[in-house]
């Protein structure tokens, strides 16, 4: 089927505006290609260090022509999603030997858990950790002893950071290796109810901990469709996983053979063989657009709306919020996974999962079917699902019909004609709103502002009973330059309680929300931010604000002459510069770019 005209137009526009940047990136990657093992460029002393602890692999590393696979791992055993990676390196080394390759852990990258830091000071380092991970990946591969790479990471900032770091080594074949979701536990909707009751003082801390522990209870990703699982979908839509591997559970036979296949793929596509397929040839504008289509079709995390812009820049493309918004408007919503519905990712996977979604999007002309993948086949090959039969891995067509049309639907009968995101524009600037989790009656809100300079201040007002009636909560000075742009997860139960009591409620912020948020209309990532001269710094309590996701408007309903006279209000909160390592990140706060360019320190945009 021919490509949808909007998808074609957006892709062409990205390619046109990025022509020089992409050409420069491609030329730099091509210049690094080597037809002999990378380690042969090292001196004997250098190479001796590479070999020193390699045991039986010494002969192959020292004198053989085998490819050496560098593993960059985000393993730690505090993150449930990353705990399975503990056993991966020795297995990868065995699988590499079996296909006449070697493998070494090139380095580890930090992997903070947003679930632990939500509402805590440490969350102020979360967004910055993405660029730290990119830098740490560059350090790992800077040993220049590798012919291919395997990226072991799952969660929120980790996959985008690994992608950005890998992009600097785009002359190597790079395969991303997921670990899979934990088994389903307490239903996400039930957890949300207890959180709301606790926020209103109606549930005890013991009750809250019991339901949280029943939800997050085993190795694997959290089962809601937040940023971690959005990452996994994105990597598959972009052809960077082995097909169908995103949501296969940990510690299963199928997960094992998919990881083994990833090792074989990385080894087979190094420059030492005849099937050279580097990262920079896999990822192009078609891949990036396919990834965005997948996110919009499933109601993915709003965090990816920041990350995808930075990821694109890392491989030589300039994407904008307008691109994302136009793609969303042309993409039907095919899935309802919590917080966009009641199901979790395991139920989504069982209903047809990734292969079903990709097949349906291809059939509607919404994907570039010829975009490349790490397996050397076009992305259309990902419209099949992996099966393990008698110890052998093969792929088969997904079910013709959804296993549950309350979770997953065909493109001909979507939940909505448009995707999960809507751009808002008005005198306050531009923002993003996630509409896939909202009832259409909540798409438009006009109400008086209640202004806060932190989520803690708003929580205090709620506890004091000061939040009543219709309101638009304005939480400002939450941008990356102000305090690292933490997720404002604490706000959702408070606002949801007010909304459930029948009030018109919304949020406007220059900060972020959790990838799992969505019940309350929220204009987030507002730019310009309060610390960058944004009009949000002039809002006063009682000012009327209109959010309209139908027309795409975000308006402060105050006369322009009055606004011209008003001074901006300085931030009343402090303490973001010190404690828990925050003192080491002043350089990041001073130099981070805007959310519209990916909120990064890596690519030279002036803040």
Protein backbone atom coordinates (compact mmCIF):
# COMPACT_ATOMS: atom_id res chain seq x y z
CA UNK A 1 0.00 0.00 0.00
CA UNK A 2 1.25 3.52 -0.75
CA UNK A 3 2.42 5.64 2.13
CA UNK A 4 -0.08 8.00 3.76
CA UNK A 5 0.40 11.53 2.33
CA UNK A 6 0.89 13.15 5.76
CA UNK A 7 3.53 10.60 6.74
CA UNK A 8 5.26 11.11 3.40
CA UNK A 9 5.15 14.90 3.73
CA UNK A 10 6.47 14.97 7.28
CA UNK A 11 9.27 12.58 6.40
CA UNK A 12 10.26 14.64 3.35
CA UNK A 13 10.23 17.82 5.43
CA UNK A 14 12.52 16.27 8.07
CA UNK A 15 14.91 15.08 5.36
CA UNK A 16 14.97 18.47 3.66
CA UNK A 17 15.64 20.55 6.77
CA UNK A 18 18.25 18.02 7.94
CA UNK A 19 20.11 17.56 4.67
CA UNK A 20 23.42 19.14 5.70
CA UNK A 21 23.37 17.82 9.27
CA UNK A 22 22.59 14.26 8.14
CA UNK A 23 25.23 14.37 5.39
CA UNK A 24 27.84 15.43 7.93
CA UNK A 25 26.83 12.63 10.32
CA UNK A 26 26.86 9.99 7.58
CA UNK A 27 30.27 11.12 6.31
CA UNK A 28 31.73 10.90 9.82
CA UNK A 29 30.36 7.39 10.30
CA UNK A 30 31.55 6.17 6.93
CA UNK A 31 35.04 7.47 7.64
CA UNK A 32 35.26 5.20 10.69
CA UNK A 33 34.48 1.95 8.87
CA UNK A 34 37.21 -0.67 9.19
CA UNK A 35 37.58 -3.96 7.27
CA UNK A 36 39.93 -5.46 9.87
CA UNK A 37 39.24 -6.04 13.57
CA UNK A 38 39.15 -2.73 15.43
CA UNK A 39 41.65 -3.95 18.01
CA UNK A 40 44.35 -4.38 15.35
CA UNK A 41 44.74 -0.62 15.40
CA UNK A 42 45.84 -0.83 19.01
CA UNK A 43 49.46 -1.13 20.05
CA UNK A 44 50.63 -4.40 21.58
CA UNK A 45 50.50 -2.79 25.01
CA UNK A 46 46.97 -1.53 24.37
CA UNK A 47 45.84 -4.93 23.13
CA UNK A 48 47.40 -6.74 26.05
CA UNK A 49 45.07 -4.82 28.37
CA UNK A 50 42.07 -5.83 26.22
CA UNK A 51 43.12 -9.49 26.44
CA UNK A 52 44.37 -9.62 30.03
CA UNK A 53 41.27 -11.01 31.73
CA UNK A 54 39.69 -12.73 28.73
CA UNK A 55 40.64 -16.31 29.59
CA UNK A 56 39.99 -18.74 26.75
CA UNK A 57 39.14 -15.86 24.42
CA UNK A 58 42.75 -14.59 24.40
CA UNK A 59 43.79 -16.33 21.16
CA UNK A 60 40.74 -15.04 19.29
CA UNK A 61 41.19 -11.51 20.63
CA UNK A 62 44.92 -11.41 20.05
CA UNK A 63 45.43 -12.99 16.67
CA UNK A 64 42.09 -14.05 15.27
CA UNK A 65 39.96 -12.21 12.77
CA UNK A 66 36.82 -12.68 14.84
CA UNK A 67 34.53 -9.72 15.54
CA UNK A 68 34.59 -8.51 19.13
CA UNK A 69 31.17 -7.42 20.46
CA UNK A 70 31.11 -4.62 23.01
CA UNK A 71 28.35 -4.90 25.60
CA UNK A 72 27.09 -1.72 27.25
CA UNK A 73 24.91 -2.66 30.17
CA UNK A 74 22.59 -0.72 32.44
CA UNK A 75 22.37 -3.66 34.86
CA UNK A 76 21.64 -3.04 38.48
CA UNK A 77 19.50 -5.13 40.78
CA UNK A 78 17.48 -2.29 42.29
CA UNK A 79 15.63 -1.77 39.00
CA UNK A 80 13.30 -4.69 38.50
CA UNK A 81 13.49 -4.16 34.72
CA UNK A 82 17.28 -4.42 34.73
CA UNK A 83 17.77 -7.20 37.29
CA UNK A 84 17.51 -9.91 34.58
CA UNK A 85 20.61 -8.47 32.88
CA UNK A 86 22.79 -9.82 35.72
CA UNK A 87 23.12 -13.17 33.96
CA UNK A 88 23.45 -11.87 30.39
CA UNK A 89 27.23 -11.27 29.93
CA UNK A 90 28.44 -14.86 30.46
CA UNK A 91 25.66 -16.17 28.22
CA UNK A 92 26.46 -13.59 25.56
CA UNK A 93 30.12 -14.62 25.65
CA UNK A 94 29.14 -18.28 25.13
CA UNK A 95 26.79 -17.43 22.27
CA UNK A 96 29.45 -15.22 20.69
CA UNK A 97 32.00 -18.04 20.76
CA UNK A 98 29.48 -20.34 19.10
CA UNK A 99 29.27 -17.98 16.12
CA UNK A 100 33.01 -17.30 15.90
CA UNK A 101 33.00 -14.01 17.76
CA UNK A 102 34.05 -12.70 21.14
CA UNK A 103 32.17 -10.44 23.53
CA UNK A 104 33.24 -8.19 26.38
CA UNK A 105 31.42 -5.83 28.69
CA UNK A 106 32.69 -2.50 27.40
CA UNK A 107 31.16 -0.54 30.24
CA UNK A 108 28.22 0.06 32.48
CA UNK A 109 25.96 3.09 32.50
CA UNK A 110 23.96 4.54 35.40
CA UNK A 111 20.36 3.43 35.53
CA UNK A 112 18.25 5.35 38.00
CA UNK A 113 14.71 4.22 38.72
CA UNK A 114 12.15 6.98 38.33
CA UNK A 115 9.77 4.85 40.37
CA UNK A 116 12.09 5.24 43.36
CA UNK A 117 12.76 8.96 42.88
CA UNK A 118 9.21 10.12 42.03
CA UNK A 119 8.40 13.08 44.28
CA UNK A 120 11.90 13.00 45.77
CA UNK A 121 14.84 15.38 45.23
CA UNK A 122 16.71 12.72 43.25
CA UNK A 123 14.14 13.04 40.45
CA UNK A 124 15.80 16.33 39.56
CA UNK A 125 18.67 14.29 38.08
CA UNK A 126 16.43 11.98 36.06
CA UNK A 127 16.29 13.84 32.76
CA UNK A 128 19.97 14.76 32.97
CA UNK A 129 20.83 11.10 33.50
CA UNK A 130 19.94 10.49 29.83
CA UNK A 131 22.84 12.62 28.64
CA UNK A 132 25.11 11.10 31.30
CA UNK A 133 24.23 7.67 29.89
CA UNK A 134 25.04 8.86 26.38
CA UNK A 135 28.40 10.14 27.61
CA UNK A 136 29.10 6.93 29.54
CA UNK A 137 28.29 4.89 26.42
CA UNK A 138 30.81 6.97 24.49
CA UNK A 139 33.42 6.29 27.17
CA UNK A 140 32.69 2.55 27.01
CA UNK A 141 33.16 2.36 23.24
CA UNK A 142 36.09 4.80 23.23
CA UNK A 143 38.44 1.86 23.87
CA UNK A 144 38.03 1.31 20.11
CA UNK A 145 38.38 -2.44 20.50
CA UNK A 146 34.92 -3.41 19.22
CA UNK A 147 33.38 -4.39 15.91
CA UNK A 148 29.73 -4.45 17.04
CA UNK A 149 27.63 -3.44 20.02
CA UNK A 150 24.84 -4.82 22.20
CA UNK A 151 22.90 -2.32 24.28
CA UNK A 152 21.33 -3.72 27.45
CA UNK A 153 18.78 -1.27 28.84
CA UNK A 154 15.05 -0.84 29.29
CA UNK A 155 13.85 2.06 31.39
CA UNK A 156 12.98 5.68 31.16
CA UNK A 157 16.09 7.74 30.29
CA UNK A 158 18.31 4.72 29.74
CA UNK A 159 17.24 3.59 26.27
CA UNK A 160 17.29 7.13 24.80
CA UNK A 161 20.71 7.68 26.41
CA UNK A 162 22.05 4.40 25.02
CA UNK A 163 20.70 5.32 21.59
CA UNK A 164 22.35 8.73 21.69
CA UNK A 165 25.65 7.26 22.83
CA UNK A 166 25.51 4.50 20.22
CA UNK A 167 24.88 7.10 17.52
CA UNK A 168 28.44 8.39 17.92
CA UNK A 169 29.60 4.89 16.96
CA UNK A 170 27.17 4.50 14.10
CA UNK A 171 29.81 2.76 11.99
CA UNK A 172 29.22 -0.34 14.13
CA UNK A 173 26.24 -2.67 13.96
CA UNK A 174 24.23 -2.02 17.14
CA UNK A 175 21.44 -4.23 18.50
CA UNK A 176 19.26 -3.27 21.46
CA UNK A 177 18.49 -6.17 23.79
CA UNK A 178 15.36 -5.92 25.99
CA UNK A 179 14.64 -8.02 29.07
CA UNK A 180 10.82 -8.11 29.12
CA UNK A 181 7.98 -7.20 31.50
CA UNK A 182 7.26 -8.68 34.93
CA UNK A 183 4.16 -10.85 35.39
CA UNK A 184 0.90 -9.01 35.92
CA UNK A 185 0.16 -8.17 39.53
CA UNK A 186 -2.40 -5.90 41.19
CA UNK A 187 -4.35 -4.17 38.44
CA UNK A 188 -3.11 -0.68 37.63
CA UNK A 189 -6.60 0.79 38.02
CA UNK A 190 -6.86 -0.63 41.53
CA UNK A 191 -3.44 0.79 42.41
CA UNK A 192 -4.53 4.22 41.14
CA UNK A 193 -7.66 4.12 43.31
CA UNK A 194 -5.65 3.43 46.46
CA UNK A 195 -3.21 6.20 45.54
CA UNK A 196 -6.10 8.64 45.25
CA UNK A 197 -7.59 7.47 48.56
CA UNK A 198 -4.21 7.91 50.23
CA UNK A 199 -3.89 11.43 48.79
CA UNK A 200 -7.21 12.28 50.43
CA UNK A 201 -6.15 10.72 53.74
CA UNK A 202 -8.61 7.81 53.36
CA UNK A 203 -6.05 5.00 53.05
CA UNK A 204 -3.22 4.12 55.41
CA UNK A 205 0.45 3.99 54.44
CA UNK A 206 0.35 0.24 55.06
CA UNK A 207 -2.55 -0.17 52.63
CA UNK A 208 -0.75 1.93 50.03
CA UNK A 209 2.50 -0.04 50.38
CA UNK A 210 0.64 -3.35 50.09
CA UNK A 211 -0.99 -2.40 46.79
CA UNK A 212 2.22 -0.87 45.41
CA UNK A 213 4.20 -4.00 46.32
CA UNK A 214 1.51 -6.14 44.75
CA UNK A 215 1.89 -4.20 41.53
CA UNK A 216 5.71 -3.98 41.43
CA UNK A 217 6.56 -7.48 42.55
CA UNK A 218 9.05 -9.32 40.32
CA UNK A 219 11.92 -8.94 37.84
CA UNK A 220 10.95 -7.19 34.62
CA UNK A 221 9.52 -3.85 33.56
CA UNK A 222 6.53 -2.36 35.34
CA UNK A 223 3.50 -3.55 33.43
CA UNK A 224 1.79 -0.22 32.77
CA UNK A 225 2.43 1.58 29.49
CA UNK A 226 4.79 4.21 30.80
CA UNK A 227 8.13 5.39 29.48
CA UNK A 228 9.98 2.08 29.91
CA UNK A 229 7.54 0.10 27.81
CA UNK A 230 7.20 2.99 25.36
CA UNK A 231 10.98 2.70 24.89
CA UNK A 232 10.63 -0.97 24.05
CA UNK A 233 7.89 -0.33 21.52
CA UNK A 234 9.95 2.48 19.99
CA UNK A 235 13.05 0.32 19.56
CA UNK A 236 11.01 -2.34 17.81
CA UNK A 237 9.20 0.15 15.56
CA UNK A 238 12.60 1.51 14.56
CA UNK A 239 13.98 -1.94 13.78
CA UNK A 240 16.59 -1.97 16.55
CA UNK A 241 15.32 -5.09 18.34
CA UNK A 242 15.12 -8.62 17.10
CA UNK A 243 11.51 -8.80 15.80
CA UNK A 244 8.90 -9.42 18.46
CA UNK A 245 11.25 -9.28 21.43
CA UNK A 246 9.90 -6.17 23.19
CA UNK A 247 7.36 -7.81 25.51
CA UNK A 248 8.52 -11.41 25.88
CA UNK A 249 8.81 -12.14 29.64
CA UNK A 250 12.20 -12.58 31.34
CA UNK A 251 13.60 -16.01 32.17
CA UNK A 252 11.70 -17.86 29.46
CA UNK A 253 13.03 -20.06 26.69
CA UNK A 254 11.82 -17.63 24.05
CA UNK A 255 13.60 -14.72 25.74
CA UNK A 256 16.83 -16.77 25.80
CA UNK A 257 16.79 -17.63 22.10
CA UNK A 258 15.87 -14.07 21.11
CA UNK A 259 18.89 -12.78 23.03
CA UNK A 260 21.09 -15.43 21.42
CA UNK A 261 19.78 -14.31 18.02
CA UNK A 262 20.70 -10.72 18.91
CA UNK A 263 24.29 -11.83 19.52
CA UNK A 264 24.39 -13.70 16.22
CA UNK A 265 22.96 -10.67 14.42
CA UNK A 266 25.53 -8.26 15.85
CA UNK A 267 28.38 -10.61 14.94
CA UNK A 268 27.11 -11.30 11.41
CA UNK A 269 26.79 -7.63 10.50
CA UNK A 270 30.23 -6.35 11.48
CA UNK A 271 32.51 -4.90 8.82
CA UNK A 272 34.61 -8.07 8.99
CA UNK A 273 31.99 -10.05 7.04
CA UNK A 274 30.05 -9.70 3.82
CA UNK A 275 26.80 -8.48 5.42
CA UNK A 276 28.02 -5.22 6.95
CA UNK A 277 25.08 -3.28 8.36
CA UNK A 278 26.05 -0.36 10.59
CA UNK A 279 23.73 1.54 12.88
CA UNK A 280 23.86 4.68 10.74
CA UNK A 281 22.44 2.78 7.76
CA UNK A 282 19.62 1.26 9.81
CA UNK A 283 18.46 4.54 11.34
CA UNK A 284 17.20 7.26 9.03
CA UNK A 285 14.22 9.61 8.79
CA UNK A 286 11.92 6.72 7.86
CA UNK A 287 12.91 4.84 11.02
CA UNK A 288 12.33 7.87 13.23
CA UNK A 289 8.92 8.56 11.71
CA UNK A 290 7.94 4.89 12.05
CA UNK A 291 8.85 5.10 15.74
CA UNK A 292 6.68 8.17 16.27
CA UNK A 293 3.76 6.54 14.42
CA UNK A 294 4.01 3.54 16.75
CA UNK A 295 4.00 5.73 19.84
CA UNK A 296 0.98 7.70 18.63
CA UNK A 297 -0.94 4.58 17.62
CA UNK A 298 -0.57 3.14 21.11
CA UNK A 299 -0.74 6.23 23.33
CA UNK A 300 2.93 6.14 24.34
CA UNK A 301 4.63 8.17 27.03
CA UNK A 302 4.88 11.94 26.64
CA UNK A 303 8.50 11.69 27.82
CA UNK A 304 9.36 10.28 24.40
CA UNK A 305 8.23 13.57 22.86
CA UNK A 306 11.36 15.07 24.39
CA UNK A 307 13.63 12.09 23.86
CA UNK A 308 12.83 11.45 20.21
CA UNK A 309 13.92 14.99 19.32
CA UNK A 310 17.29 14.46 21.01
CA UNK A 311 17.66 10.97 19.54
CA UNK A 312 16.97 12.31 16.05
CA UNK A 313 19.58 15.03 16.48
CA UNK A 314 22.14 12.39 17.48
CA UNK A 315 21.80 10.74 14.05
CA UNK A 316 21.71 13.96 12.06
CA UNK A 317 18.02 14.87 11.88
CA UNK A 318 16.08 17.88 13.12
CA UNK A 319 12.59 16.92 14.25
CA UNK A 320 10.09 19.33 15.77
CA UNK A 321 6.97 19.21 17.87
CA UNK A 322 5.02 20.17 14.74
CA UNK A 323 6.26 16.97 13.07
CA UNK A 324 5.09 14.89 16.02
CA UNK A 325 1.73 16.63 16.18
CA UNK A 326 1.03 16.16 12.46
CA UNK A 327 1.94 12.47 12.67
CA UNK A 328 -0.39 12.06 15.65
CA UNK A 329 -3.29 13.72 13.82
CA UNK A 330 -2.93 11.25 10.95
CA UNK A 331 -2.46 8.13 13.11
CA UNK A 332 -5.41 6.18 14.54
CA UNK A 333 -5.28 4.96 18.14
CA UNK A 334 -5.15 1.15 17.99
CA UNK A 335 -4.37 0.21 21.59
CA UNK A 336 -5.67 0.94 25.05
CA UNK A 337 -3.05 0.06 27.64
CA UNK A 338 -3.00 1.61 31.10
CA UNK A 339 -3.16 4.59 31.62
CA UNK A 340 -4.98 4.73 28.26
CA UNK A 341 -7.14 1.77 29.25
CA UNK A 342 -7.45 -1.00 31.82
CA UNK A 343 -5.05 -3.54 30.27
CA UNK A 344 -1.35 -3.92 30.99
CA UNK A 345 1.43 -4.71 28.51
CA UNK A 346 1.16 -8.44 29.12
CA UNK A 347 -2.48 -8.35 28.09
CA UNK A 348 -1.57 -6.19 25.08
CA UNK A 349 1.08 -8.74 24.09
CA UNK A 350 -1.40 -11.60 24.46
CA UNK A 351 -4.03 -9.78 22.38
CA UNK A 352 -1.68 -9.58 19.39
CA UNK A 353 1.00 -7.15 20.50
CA UNK A 354 3.66 -5.61 18.34
CA UNK A 355 3.23 -7.80 15.26
CA UNK A 356 -0.49 -6.98 15.13
CA UNK A 357 0.13 -3.24 15.51
CA UNK A 358 2.86 -3.17 12.86
CA UNK A 359 0.77 -5.20 10.42
CA UNK A 360 -2.20 -2.88 10.86
CA UNK A 361 -0.13 0.27 10.49
CA UNK A 362 1.50 -1.13 7.36
CA UNK A 363 -1.89 -2.02 5.92
CA UNK A 364 -3.04 1.57 6.46
CA UNK A 365 0.05 3.00 4.77
CA UNK A 366 1.20 4.64 7.98
CA UNK A 367 4.67 3.07 8.13
CA UNK A 368 7.61 3.20 5.76
CA UNK A 369 7.61 -0.50 4.93
CA UNK A 370 11.07 -0.24 3.37
CA UNK A 371 12.78 1.20 6.47
CA UNK A 372 15.72 -0.98 7.43
CA UNK A 373 16.26 -3.06 10.57
CA UNK A 374 19.13 -4.70 12.44
CA UNK A 375 18.28 -8.09 10.94
CA UNK A 376 18.90 -6.77 7.44
CA UNK A 377 15.26 -6.96 6.41
CA UNK A 378 12.73 -4.14 6.03
CA UNK A 379 10.47 -3.26 8.93
CA UNK A 380 7.66 -5.18 7.24
CA UNK A 381 9.38 -8.32 8.59
CA UNK A 382 8.39 -7.15 12.07
CA UNK A 383 4.73 -7.84 11.29
CA UNK A 384 5.40 -11.39 12.50
CA UNK A 385 5.76 -12.73 16.01
CA UNK A 386 8.50 -15.03 17.34
CA UNK A 387 7.71 -18.61 18.32
CA UNK A 388 9.88 -21.25 19.95
CA UNK A 389 9.06 -24.73 18.68
CA UNK A 390 11.08 -27.81 19.67
CA UNK A 391 13.96 -25.56 20.63
CA UNK A 392 13.99 -23.69 17.31
CA UNK A 393 13.13 -20.03 16.78
CA UNK A 394 10.89 -19.02 13.93
CA UNK A 395 8.40 -16.26 13.12
CA UNK A 396 4.76 -16.54 12.17
CA UNK A 397 1.89 -14.22 11.30
CA UNK A 398 0.00 -12.73 14.25
CA UNK A 399 -3.66 -13.59 14.73
CA UNK A 400 -5.93 -12.24 11.99
CA UNK A 401 -8.22 -10.83 14.69
CA UNK A 402 -7.38 -9.07 17.94
CA UNK A 403 -7.54 -11.37 20.93
CA UNK A 404 -9.42 -8.63 22.79
CA UNK A 405 -10.82 -5.63 20.96
CA UNK A 406 -11.09 -3.68 24.21
CA UNK A 407 -7.27 -3.66 24.21
CA UNK A 408 -6.22 -3.83 20.57
CA UNK A 409 -8.09 -2.98 17.39
CA UNK A 410 -7.42 -3.00 13.64
CA UNK A 411 -6.73 0.22 11.76
CA UNK A 412 -10.16 -0.05 10.13
CA UNK A 413 -11.86 0.16 13.54
CA UNK A 414 -9.65 2.23 15.87
CA UNK A 415 -10.46 3.58 19.29
CA UNK A 416 -9.91 7.07 17.89
CA UNK A 417 -9.16 8.54 14.49
CA UNK A 418 -6.12 10.33 15.89
CA UNK A 419 -3.20 9.33 18.04
CA UNK A 420 -2.18 9.99 21.60
CA UNK A 421 -0.72 13.48 21.42
CA UNK A 422 -1.96 16.96 20.67
CA UNK A 423 0.07 20.15 20.40
CA UNK A 424 -1.31 23.21 22.16
CA UNK A 425 -0.41 26.76 21.08
CA UNK A 426 -1.43 30.16 22.39
CA UNK A 427 -0.19 33.24 24.17
CA UNK A 428 1.39 31.05 26.88
CA UNK A 429 3.57 29.37 24.28
CA UNK A 430 3.46 25.79 23.06
CA UNK A 431 2.84 22.63 25.05
CA UNK A 432 1.94 18.97 24.68
CA UNK A 433 -1.20 17.25 25.93
CA UNK A 434 -1.77 13.49 26.03
CA UNK A 435 -5.34 12.90 24.92
CA UNK A 436 -5.36 9.11 24.51
CA UNK A 437 -6.16 8.63 28.20
CA UNK A 438 -8.75 11.43 28.36
CA UNK A 439 -12.48 11.19 27.95
CA UNK A 440 -13.43 13.68 25.23
CA UNK A 441 -15.50 15.62 27.77
CA UNK A 442 -12.17 16.53 29.42
CA UNK A 443 -10.51 17.87 26.26
CA UNK A 444 -11.65 21.43 26.97
CA UNK A 445 -11.27 23.19 30.31
CA UNK A 446 -11.64 26.88 31.18
CA UNK A 447 -11.06 27.66 34.84
CA UNK A 448 -9.24 30.01 37.24
CA UNK A 449 -5.55 29.45 37.91
CA UNK A 450 -4.00 28.31 41.17
CA UNK A 451 -0.28 28.99 40.91
CA UNK A 452 2.53 27.04 42.57
CA UNK A 453 6.29 26.93 42.18
CA UNK A 454 6.61 23.25 43.11
CA UNK A 455 4.52 20.11 43.38
CA UNK A 456 5.29 20.10 47.12
CA UNK A 457 3.65 23.50 47.49
CA UNK A 458 0.59 22.24 45.70
CA UNK A 459 0.46 19.13 47.89
CA UNK A 460 0.55 21.37 50.97
CA UNK A 461 -2.38 23.39 49.64
CA UNK A 462 -4.35 20.22 48.97
CA UNK A 463 -3.68 18.88 52.46
CA UNK A 464 -4.85 22.20 53.92
CA UNK A 465 -8.12 21.93 51.99
CA UNK A 466 -7.35 24.97 49.84
CA UNK A 467 -8.00 23.33 46.48
CA UNK A 468 -11.70 23.52 45.80
CA UNK A 469 -13.94 24.09 42.82
CA UNK A 470 -12.87 24.30 39.19
CA UNK A 471 -9.21 25.17 38.72
CA UNK A 472 -6.21 25.02 36.44
CA UNK A 473 -3.19 24.16 38.55
CA UNK A 474 -0.17 26.09 37.26
CA UNK A 475 3.11 24.56 38.41
CA UNK A 476 6.02 26.60 37.09
CA UNK A 477 9.79 26.79 37.38
CA UNK A 478 9.92 23.09 36.58
CA UNK A 479 11.97 23.33 33.38
CA UNK A 480 15.33 21.67 32.87
CA UNK A 481 17.25 24.88 33.53
CA UNK A 482 15.34 25.56 36.75
CA UNK A 483 15.58 22.21 38.51
CA UNK A 484 16.24 19.45 35.98
CA UNK A 485 12.60 19.07 34.90
CA UNK A 486 11.48 16.33 37.32
CA UNK A 487 8.32 14.35 36.67
CA UNK A 488 5.46 15.83 38.70
CA UNK A 489 3.98 12.49 39.61
CA UNK A 490 2.68 13.63 43.00
CA UNK A 491 0.12 15.86 41.31
CA UNK A 492 -1.92 13.22 39.56
CA UNK A 493 -3.75 11.67 42.54
CA UNK A 494 -4.54 15.14 43.91
CA UNK A 495 -5.96 16.43 40.64
CA UNK A 496 -7.76 13.18 39.90
CA UNK A 497 -9.53 13.38 43.25
CA UNK A 498 -10.77 16.88 42.49
CA UNK A 499 -11.86 15.81 39.01
CA UNK A 500 -13.71 12.78 40.40
CA UNK A 501 -15.67 15.14 42.66
CA UNK A 502 -17.12 16.77 39.55
CA UNK A 503 -14.83 19.76 39.19
CA UNK A 504 -13.29 20.99 35.96
CA UNK A 505 -9.59 20.45 36.57
CA UNK A 506 -6.45 20.78 34.47
CA UNK A 507 -2.71 21.29 34.78
CA UNK A 508 -0.37 23.72 33.02
CA UNK A 509 3.35 23.28 33.63
CA UNK A 510 6.76 23.80 32.09
CA UNK A 511 7.68 20.46 33.66
CA UNK A 512 7.05 16.81 32.86
CA UNK A 513 4.63 14.16 34.05
CA UNK A 514 5.12 10.47 34.59
CA UNK A 515 4.84 8.40 31.44
CA UNK A 516 1.89 6.69 33.09
CA UNK A 517 -0.13 9.85 33.64
CA UNK A 518 -3.09 10.93 31.60
CA UNK A 519 -6.42 10.93 33.43
CA UNK A 520 -6.37 14.70 34.01
CA UNK A 521 -5.93 17.14 31.09
CA UNK A 522 -2.37 18.44 31.34
CA UNK A 523 -0.55 20.95 29.16
CA UNK A 524 3.05 19.96 29.81
CA UNK A 525 6.54 20.75 28.47
CA UNK A 526 5.37 24.37 28.16
CA UNK A 527 7.87 26.49 26.25
CA UNK A 528 9.10 29.11 26.88
CA UNK A 529 9.45 28.06 30.49
CA UNK A 530 9.20 30.36 33.49
CA UNK A 531 12.99 30.54 33.87
CA UNK A 532 13.35 31.40 30.17
CA UNK A 533 11.09 34.44 30.13
CA UNK A 534 7.84 32.55 29.56
CA UNK A 535 4.49 34.17 30.21
CA UNK A 536 3.76 31.42 32.74
CA UNK A 537 5.87 33.46 35.19
CA UNK A 538 3.25 36.24 35.04
CA UNK A 539 0.18 34.15 35.86
CA UNK A 540 -1.62 35.09 39.08
CA UNK A 541 -4.14 33.17 41.15
CA UNK A 542 -7.61 33.67 39.69
CA UNK A 543 -6.50 34.35 36.11
CA UNK A 544 -8.67 32.41 33.68
CA UNK A 545 -6.93 29.84 31.49
CA UNK A 546 -8.39 27.88 28.59
CA UNK A 547 -7.04 24.52 27.46
CA UNK A 548 -8.70 23.22 24.30
CA UNK A 549 -7.36 19.98 22.83
CA UNK A 550 -10.06 20.10 20.12
CA UNK A 551 -8.77 23.35 18.59
CA UNK A 552 -5.21 23.03 19.92
CA UNK A 553 -5.37 26.23 22.00
CA UNK A 554 -3.68 27.20 25.25
CA UNK A 555 -4.65 30.71 26.32
CA UNK A 556 -4.18 32.90 29.36
CA UNK A 557 -7.39 34.94 29.24
CA UNK A 558 -5.92 38.19 30.53
CA UNK A 559 -5.78 41.42 28.52
CA UNK A 560 -2.43 41.87 26.79
CA UNK A 561 -2.05 45.41 28.14
CA UNK A 562 -2.43 44.08 31.67
CA UNK A 563 0.15 41.35 31.00
CA UNK A 564 2.60 43.90 29.61
CA UNK A 565 2.43 45.80 32.91
CA UNK A 566 2.90 42.75 35.09
CA UNK A 567 6.37 41.77 36.27
CA UNK A 568 7.36 38.12 36.18
CA UNK A 569 7.19 36.47 39.59
CA UNK A 570 10.49 35.02 40.76
CA UNK A 571 10.54 31.42 41.93
CA UNK A 572 9.66 31.13 45.61
CA UNK A 573 11.19 27.68 45.98
CA UNK A 574 14.90 26.96 46.37
CA UNK A 575 17.27 24.18 47.33
CA UNK A 576 17.63 22.59 43.91
CA UNK A 577 21.36 23.24 43.69
CA UNK A 578 22.61 20.96 46.49
CA UNK A 579 22.10 17.53 47.96
CA UNK A 580 21.99 14.04 46.45
CA UNK A 581 24.62 15.05 43.91
CA UNK A 582 22.66 17.95 42.47
CA UNK A 583 25.62 20.26 43.07
CA UNK A 584 27.51 18.41 40.32
CA UNK A 585 24.86 19.20 37.70
CA UNK A 586 24.98 23.00 37.63
CA UNK A 587 26.77 22.74 34.28
CA UNK A 588 23.78 20.83 32.91
CA UNK A 589 21.27 23.34 34.29
CA UNK A 590 23.24 26.21 32.79
CA UNK A 591 23.64 24.71 29.32
CA UNK A 592 20.65 22.44 28.66
CA UNK A 593 18.65 23.25 25.54
CA UNK A 594 14.88 23.76 25.43
CA UNK A 595 12.40 20.90 25.36
CA UNK A 596 11.71 21.76 21.72
CA UNK A 597 15.24 20.62 20.87
CA UNK A 598 15.31 17.61 23.18
CA UNK A 599 16.47 19.19 26.46
CA UNK A 600 20.07 18.11 25.91
CA UNK A 601 23.55 19.44 26.57
CA UNK A 602 25.08 17.36 23.77
CA UNK A 603 24.31 19.05 20.50
CA UNK A 604 25.38 22.64 20.82
CA UNK A 605 22.02 24.45 20.92
CA UNK A 606 22.18 27.56 23.02
CA UNK A 607 19.74 27.58 25.95
